[in-house]
Amino acid sequence: MIGSGAGELMRLEAADAYLRESVAISRAHDFEHGYASAWLSLCLMLRGRWDEAGAVAMPVLARDGADYSTLMAWLAVARVRLRRGDPGVQEALDTALRLAEHSHALQRIAPVACARAEAAFARGDVAALRAEAARALPLARSKGHPWFVGELQYWLWRAGAPVDAAPVGCAEPYALQIAGRWREAADAWQGLGCPYERARALAEGDEPAQREALTLFESLGARPAADALRERLLAAGVRGLARGPRASTREHPFGLTSRELQMLQLLCEGLRNAEIAARVHRSVRTVDHHLAAVFAKLGVDSRAAAIAAAQRAGLAPQSGQSRAEK
């Protein structure tokens, strides 16, 4: 509870330490650790460690049951997918909403509304964004929760809704952005350890700041934000921009690198990790690392599920049951 509370108040470094300790103690004594793992995945998402966030969340989602642990894990997965431009965002958000809609607790309703507001803004659906703010903003204000108030106010502001220049009860980084003080907001986000939010604030600034934001978005693998910012800069006549990710990474739907795609295709052939390592002349540990990243990007937690996802996306041929699925 200390870890999840620290995460909710954006004390992410402390939250990480408490949550990892909770998971370790629970594993040592065979206790349930789904809630701690789910919150850890959310904190990792905010800290820009998206592969790790997905890898931590997926075992929680693989369990039977629908509870608050599952809810928070779905939110981590949804936001990673959204920020990367991966498929399955709306499905994850709709699942989270179903898990939260019968709760009257701010801690369940507001995180869902914030994630869905971000997604609504990304697809240009202002009506949906306003609906999400209406779902949780009055309750967040009544409870005096600056981070939920701040994020929902921020998305309303980004959508052009009338918002006070200095919103009451709004967390400082969001208040700074709404006030147009993007450099101070970027510094505040950096102090919190949130690289994506820092880049988002810099993208609201001048050309040098926008170039810095573009580099940050690219380093995170935040393709939609990077593409949108690059288009804005090019339209303004800016030249000499970074080329962006390789075409081989951009051309398939999960943002896999060429090496990750190769690993996935060998997996689909039925090879075990040691056999893949021998085929590509890499260590088994390297293969393990690549496949963990693949599983996180595909949003799966098993070899069989990875194969099925690859086949649905046309990344591997449809075939009979492989050795990996048996």
Foldseek 3Di string as FASTA:
>chain_A
DVLLVCVLLLLLVVSLVVLVVQVVVCVVVVHDNLQSLLSNLQSCLQLLVQLVSLLSLLVSCPDDDQAVSVLSSLLSLLQSCQQLVFPDNVVSLVSSCVSQVVDPDLVRLLSSLLSQLVVCVLVVNLVSLVVSCVRRQVVCVVVLRQDSVLSSLLSCVVNPHDDDLQHPSHPVLSSCVSVVVLVVSLVVSVVSNGLLSSLVSLLSDDDVSVLVSLVSSLVSSRVSVNVVSVVVCVVVVDDDHDPGDDPQQVVFRLSQDPVLLVLLQVLLQQDDLVRVCVVVVHDSVVSVVSVSSQCSSLSHDASVVSNVSCCVRVSYPDDPDGNRND
